[in-house]
Amino acid sequence: KMMISCGSAKEARELLVKNVWGFGPKQASLFLRRVGYCAELAALDTHILDYLRLARGIDPKPSALSRLASYERVEKEFQRVASDFGHPVGCVDLAMWVTMRVAKREAGW
């Protein structure tokens, strides 16, 4: 019922962050993706942040991502990455997560 009143995925995420104990921006984004609400929000974890640092020179501090405004600034950069790849954010996010996880394991990070 909470989600029906939301006009956008960002609004739904904000509602979850404010009203669900333990949900930060990343967890709310994952939840919305997994329940099929949207695929336009990024789940910014360490693998995605490492990619942004290596490929784009963006080095956000993970602790800053607990604040929704900071999270959305970094997410906007990742949305540009997804656009460059020509795929939805959710697809690029998942592909990047798998790729970086394997690359880090292979490189011994």
N, C-alpha and C. Protein backbone atom coordinates (compact mmCIF):
# COMPACT_ATOMS: atom_id res chain seq x y z
N LYS A 1 0.83 -1.20 0.00
CA LYS A 1 0.00 0.00 0.00
C LYS A 1 0.87 1.26 0.00
N MET A 2 2.00 1.20 0.69
CA MET A 2 2.88 2.37 0.75
C MET A 2 3.36 2.76 -0.65
N MET A 3 3.69 1.80 -1.46
CA MET A 3 4.30 2.06 -2.76
C MET A 3 3.31 2.62 -3.78
N ILE A 4 2.06 2.30 -3.65
CA ILE A 4 1.07 2.74 -4.63
C ILE A 4 1.01 4.27 -4.70
N SER A 5 1.23 4.92 -3.59
CA SER A 5 1.14 6.38 -3.55
C SER A 5 2.38 7.08 -4.12
N CYS A 6 3.44 6.34 -4.37
CA CYS A 6 4.69 6.94 -4.85
C CYS A 6 4.62 7.24 -6.34
N GLY A 7 5.12 8.39 -6.70
CA GLY A 7 5.10 8.81 -8.10
C GLY A 7 6.32 8.39 -8.89
N SER A 8 7.37 7.90 -8.20
CA SER A 8 8.59 7.50 -8.90
C SER A 8 9.34 6.49 -8.04
N ALA A 9 10.32 5.84 -8.66
CA ALA A 9 11.15 4.88 -7.94
C ALA A 9 11.95 5.58 -6.84
N LYS A 10 12.46 6.77 -7.14
CA LYS A 10 13.22 7.52 -6.13
C LYS A 10 12.35 7.87 -4.94
N GLU A 11 11.10 8.23 -5.21
CA GLU A 11 10.18 8.54 -4.13
C GLU A 11 9.88 7.29 -3.30
N ALA A 12 9.73 6.15 -3.95
CA ALA A 12 9.49 4.89 -3.24
C ALA A 12 10.69 4.54 -2.37
N ARG A 13 11.89 4.73 -2.90
CA ARG A 13 13.09 4.43 -2.12
C ARG A 13 13.16 5.35 -0.90
N GLU A 14 12.91 6.62 -1.11
CA GLU A 14 12.94 7.57 0.01
C GLU A 14 11.92 7.18 1.09
N LEU A 15 10.75 6.76 0.67
CA LEU A 15 9.73 6.32 1.61
C LEU A 15 10.20 5.12 2.42
N LEU A 16 10.83 4.17 1.74
CA LEU A 16 11.35 2.99 2.44
C LEU A 16 12.45 3.36 3.42
N VAL A 17 13.38 4.20 2.98
CA VAL A 17 14.49 4.61 3.85
C VAL A 17 13.96 5.29 5.11
N LYS A 18 12.95 6.11 4.95
CA LYS A 18 12.40 6.85 6.09
C LYS A 18 11.54 5.98 7.01
N ASN A 19 10.91 4.94 6.46
CA ASN A 19 9.90 4.22 7.23
C ASN A 19 10.23 2.77 7.58
N VAL A 20 11.26 2.21 7.00
CA VAL A 20 11.60 0.82 7.29
C VAL A 20 12.93 0.79 8.04
N TRP A 21 12.87 0.37 9.29
CA TRP A 21 14.07 0.32 10.12
C TRP A 21 15.09 -0.60 9.46
N GLY A 22 16.33 -0.12 9.36
CA GLY A 22 17.42 -0.92 8.80
C GLY A 22 17.60 -0.74 7.30
N PHE A 23 16.69 -0.07 6.64
CA PHE A 23 16.82 0.15 5.20
C PHE A 23 17.55 1.46 4.96
N GLY A 24 18.71 1.33 4.30
CA GLY A 24 19.38 2.50 3.78
C GLY A 24 19.09 2.57 2.30
N PRO A 25 19.70 3.49 1.60
CA PRO A 25 19.44 3.63 0.16
C PRO A 25 19.73 2.36 -0.65
N LYS A 26 20.84 1.69 -0.34
CA LYS A 26 21.20 0.48 -1.09
C LYS A 26 20.18 -0.62 -0.88
N GLN A 27 19.83 -0.88 0.37
CA GLN A 27 18.89 -1.96 0.68
C GLN A 27 17.52 -1.67 0.10
N ALA A 28 17.09 -0.42 0.18
CA ALA A 28 15.79 -0.04 -0.39
C ALA A 28 15.80 -0.22 -1.91
N SER A 29 16.92 0.14 -2.55
CA SER A 29 17.03 -0.03 -4.00
C SER A 29 16.97 -1.50 -4.38
N LEU A 30 17.69 -2.34 -3.65
CA LEU A 30 17.66 -3.79 -3.90
C LEU A 30 16.26 -4.34 -3.72
N PHE A 31 15.59 -3.94 -2.66
CA PHE A 31 14.24 -4.41 -2.39
C PHE A 31 13.31 -4.05 -3.56
N LEU A 32 13.35 -2.80 -3.99
CA LEU A 32 12.47 -2.36 -5.07
C LEU A 32 12.75 -3.12 -6.37
N ARG A 33 14.01 -3.43 -6.60
CA ARG A 33 14.36 -4.19 -7.80
C ARG A 33 13.86 -5.63 -7.69
N ARG A 34 14.08 -6.24 -6.55
CA ARG A 34 13.74 -7.65 -6.39
C ARG A 34 12.25 -7.93 -6.34
N VAL A 35 11.47 -6.97 -5.91
CA VAL A 35 10.01 -7.17 -5.92
C VAL A 35 9.40 -6.75 -7.25
N GLY A 36 10.23 -6.31 -8.19
CA GLY A 36 9.76 -5.95 -9.52
C GLY A 36 9.16 -4.56 -9.62
N TYR A 37 9.45 -3.71 -8.65
CA TYR A 37 8.91 -2.35 -8.67
C TYR A 37 9.58 -1.50 -9.74
N CYS A 38 10.91 -1.67 -9.89
CA CYS A 38 11.65 -0.88 -10.88
C CYS A 38 13.01 -1.51 -11.13
N ALA A 39 13.66 -1.07 -12.18
CA ALA A 39 15.02 -1.51 -12.49
C ALA A 39 15.93 -0.32 -12.72
N GLU A 40 15.50 0.85 -12.28
CA GLU A 40 16.26 2.07 -12.58
C GLU A 40 17.13 2.56 -11.43
N LEU A 41 17.09 1.88 -10.30
CA LEU A 41 17.88 2.29 -9.15
C LEU A 41 19.10 1.39 -9.00
N ALA A 42 20.22 1.98 -8.65
CA ALA A 42 21.46 1.22 -8.47
C ALA A 42 21.61 0.78 -7.02
N ALA A 43 22.16 -0.40 -6.85
CA ALA A 43 22.52 -0.90 -5.52
C ALA A 43 24.03 -0.72 -5.38
N LEU A 44 24.42 0.42 -4.85
CA LEU A 44 25.84 0.79 -4.80
C LEU A 44 26.53 0.09 -3.64
N ASP A 45 27.26 -0.98 -3.97
CA ASP A 45 28.03 -1.69 -2.96
C ASP A 45 29.52 -1.53 -3.27
N THR A 46 30.36 -2.22 -2.55
CA THR A 46 31.80 -2.03 -2.72
C THR A 46 32.27 -2.41 -4.13
N HIS A 47 31.65 -3.42 -4.75
CA HIS A 47 32.06 -3.81 -6.09
C HIS A 47 31.76 -2.70 -7.10
N ILE A 48 30.60 -2.10 -6.99
CA ILE A 48 30.21 -1.02 -7.89
C ILE A 48 31.09 0.21 -7.63
N LEU A 49 31.33 0.51 -6.36
CA LEU A 49 32.18 1.65 -6.02
C LEU A 49 33.60 1.46 -6.53
N ASP A 50 34.12 0.23 -6.44
CA ASP A 50 35.46 -0.05 -6.97
C ASP A 50 35.49 0.15 -8.48
N TYR A 51 34.45 -0.27 -9.18
CA TYR A 51 34.39 -0.04 -10.62
C TYR A 51 34.40 1.46 -10.92
N LEU A 52 33.58 2.22 -10.23
CA LEU A 52 33.52 3.66 -10.46
C LEU A 52 34.87 4.32 -10.21
N ARG A 53 35.57 3.83 -9.19
CA ARG A 53 36.89 4.38 -8.88
C ARG A 53 37.89 4.04 -9.99
N LEU A 54 37.91 2.79 -10.42
CA LEU A 54 38.88 2.35 -11.43
C LEU A 54 38.57 2.91 -12.82
N ALA A 55 37.32 2.88 -13.21
CA ALA A 55 36.96 3.24 -14.59
C ALA A 55 36.63 4.71 -14.77
N ARG A 56 36.15 5.36 -13.72
CA ARG A 56 35.68 6.74 -13.86
C ARG A 56 36.39 7.73 -12.95
N GLY A 57 37.28 7.24 -12.09
CA GLY A 57 37.99 8.14 -11.19
C GLY A 57 37.12 8.74 -10.10
N ILE A 58 36.00 8.13 -9.85
CA ILE A 58 35.08 8.59 -8.80
C ILE A 58 35.38 7.78 -7.55
N ASP A 59 35.64 8.44 -6.45
CA ASP A 59 36.04 7.72 -5.24
C ASP A 59 35.18 8.12 -4.04
N PRO A 60 33.91 7.74 -4.05
CA PRO A 60 33.07 8.08 -2.90
C PRO A 60 33.42 7.22 -1.69
N LYS A 61 33.26 7.78 -0.55
CA LYS A 61 33.47 7.03 0.69
C LYS A 61 32.20 6.24 0.99
N PRO A 62 32.32 4.93 1.23
CA PRO A 62 31.12 4.13 1.50
C PRO A 62 30.26 4.69 2.64
N SER A 63 30.88 5.28 3.63
CA SER A 63 30.11 5.82 4.76
C SER A 63 29.21 6.97 4.34
N ALA A 64 29.61 7.72 3.32
CA ALA A 64 28.80 8.85 2.84
C ALA A 64 27.52 8.37 2.16
N LEU A 65 27.50 7.12 1.72
CA LEU A 65 26.36 6.61 0.98
C LEU A 65 25.17 6.26 1.86
N SER A 66 25.32 6.39 3.15
CA SER A 66 24.17 6.15 4.03
C SER A 66 23.19 7.32 3.97
N ARG A 67 23.66 8.48 3.50
CA ARG A 67 22.79 9.64 3.32
C ARG A 67 22.23 9.61 1.91
N LEU A 68 20.93 9.73 1.79
CA LEU A 68 20.25 9.59 0.50
C LEU A 68 20.76 10.58 -0.54
N ALA A 69 21.00 11.82 -0.16
CA ALA A 69 21.47 12.82 -1.12
C ALA A 69 22.83 12.44 -1.70
N SER A 70 23.75 11.98 -0.86
CA SER A 70 25.07 11.55 -1.32
C SER A 70 24.95 10.31 -2.20
N TYR A 71 24.10 9.40 -1.78
CA TYR A 71 23.88 8.17 -2.54
C TYR A 71 23.38 8.51 -3.95
N GLU A 72 22.44 9.43 -4.04
CA GLU A 72 21.86 9.78 -5.34
C GLU A 72 22.86 10.48 -6.25
N ARG A 73 23.81 11.22 -5.68
CA ARG A 73 24.86 11.86 -6.51
C ARG A 73 25.73 10.78 -7.16
N VAL A 74 26.12 9.78 -6.39
CA VAL A 74 26.95 8.71 -6.93
C VAL A 74 26.11 7.86 -7.90
N GLU A 75 24.88 7.61 -7.55
CA GLU A 75 23.99 6.83 -8.41
C GLU A 75 23.85 7.49 -9.78
N LYS A 76 23.79 8.81 -9.80
CA LYS A 76 23.67 9.54 -11.07
C LYS A 76 24.86 9.22 -11.97
N GLU A 77 26.05 9.14 -11.39
CA GLU A 77 27.24 8.77 -12.16
C GLU A 77 27.09 7.35 -12.70
N PHE A 78 26.58 6.45 -11.88
CA PHE A 78 26.41 5.08 -12.33
C PHE A 78 25.34 4.99 -13.41
N GLN A 79 24.33 5.82 -13.33
CA GLN A 79 23.30 5.85 -14.37
C GLN A 79 23.91 6.27 -15.71
N ARG A 80 24.90 7.14 -15.68
CA ARG A 80 25.61 7.52 -16.91
C ARG A 80 26.37 6.32 -17.48
N VAL A 81 26.99 5.54 -16.58
CA VAL A 81 27.69 4.32 -17.01
C VAL A 81 26.71 3.38 -17.70
N ALA A 82 25.57 3.15 -17.08
CA ALA A 82 24.56 2.26 -17.66
C ALA A 82 24.11 2.78 -19.02
N SER A 83 23.93 4.07 -19.11
CA SER A 83 23.53 4.68 -20.38
C SER A 83 24.59 4.46 -21.44
N ASP A 84 25.87 4.59 -21.05
CA ASP A 84 26.97 4.35 -21.99
C ASP A 84 26.96 2.91 -22.50
N PHE A 85 26.58 1.97 -21.62
CA PHE A 85 26.49 0.56 -22.02
C PHE A 85 25.21 0.28 -22.81
N GLY A 86 24.24 1.18 -22.70
CA GLY A 86 23.00 1.00 -23.45
C GLY A 86 22.03 0.02 -22.84
N HIS A 87 22.13 -0.16 -21.52
CA HIS A 87 21.24 -1.10 -20.83
C HIS A 87 20.66 -0.45 -19.58
N PRO A 88 19.57 -1.02 -19.05
CA PRO A 88 18.99 -0.47 -17.82
C PRO A 88 19.97 -0.55 -16.64
N VAL A 89 19.81 0.38 -15.73
CA VAL A 89 20.69 0.46 -14.56
C VAL A 89 20.74 -0.87 -13.81
N GLY A 90 19.59 -1.48 -13.58
CA GLY A 90 19.56 -2.74 -12.84
C GLY A 90 20.37 -3.84 -13.49
N CYS A 91 20.33 -3.92 -14.81
CA CYS A 91 21.10 -4.94 -15.54
C CYS A 91 22.60 -4.67 -15.45
N VAL A 92 22.98 -3.41 -15.67
CA VAL A 92 24.41 -3.05 -15.60
C VAL A 92 24.93 -3.22 -14.18
N ASP A 93 24.13 -2.85 -13.21
CA ASP A 93 24.50 -2.99 -11.81
C ASP A 93 24.82 -4.46 -11.50
N LEU A 94 23.92 -5.36 -11.86
CA LEU A 94 24.14 -6.78 -11.59
C LEU A 94 25.34 -7.32 -12.35
N ALA A 95 25.46 -6.97 -13.63
CA ALA A 95 26.60 -7.43 -14.43
C ALA A 95 27.91 -6.90 -13.87
N MET A 96 27.92 -5.64 -13.45
CA MET A 96 29.13 -5.04 -12.89
C MET A 96 29.49 -5.69 -11.57
N TRP A 97 28.48 -5.97 -10.77
CA TRP A 97 28.72 -6.61 -9.46
C TRP A 97 29.39 -7.96 -9.67
N VAL A 98 28.86 -8.78 -10.58
CA VAL A 98 29.44 -10.10 -10.84
C VAL A 98 30.85 -9.97 -11.40
N THR A 99 31.01 -9.09 -12.38
CA THR A 99 32.31 -8.90 -13.02
C THR A 99 33.37 -8.46 -12.03
N MET A 100 33.05 -7.46 -11.23
CA MET A 100 34.03 -6.95 -10.27
C MET A 100 34.31 -7.97 -9.17
N ARG A 101 33.31 -8.70 -8.76
CA ARG A 101 33.52 -9.72 -7.72
C ARG A 101 34.50 -10.78 -8.20
N VAL A 102 34.31 -11.25 -9.42
CA VAL A 102 35.21 -12.26 -9.99
C VAL A 102 36.59 -11.66 -10.24
N ALA A 103 36.64 -10.47 -10.81
CA ALA A 103 37.93 -9.83 -11.08
C ALA A 103 38.74 -9.65 -9.79
N LYS A 104 38.07 -9.22 -8.73
CA LYS A 104 38.77 -9.02 -7.46
C LYS A 104 39.26 -10.35 -6.89
N ARG A 105 38.46 -11.38 -7.03
CA ARG A 105 38.87 -12.70 -6.54
C ARG A 105 40.07 -13.21 -7.33
N GLU A 106 40.01 -13.05 -8.66
CA GLU A 106 41.10 -13.52 -9.52
C GLU A 106 42.39 -12.74 -9.28
N ALA A 107 42.26 -11.44 -9.00
CA ALA A 107 43.42 -10.59 -8.78
C ALA A 107 43.93 -10.68 -7.35
N GLY A 108 43.16 -11.32 -6.49
CA GLY A 108 43.58 -11.48 -5.11
C GLY A 108 43.43 -10.22 -4.26
N TRP A 109 42.42 -9.39 -4.60
CA TRP A 109 42.18 -8.17 -3.83
C TRP A 109 41.69 -8.51 -2.46
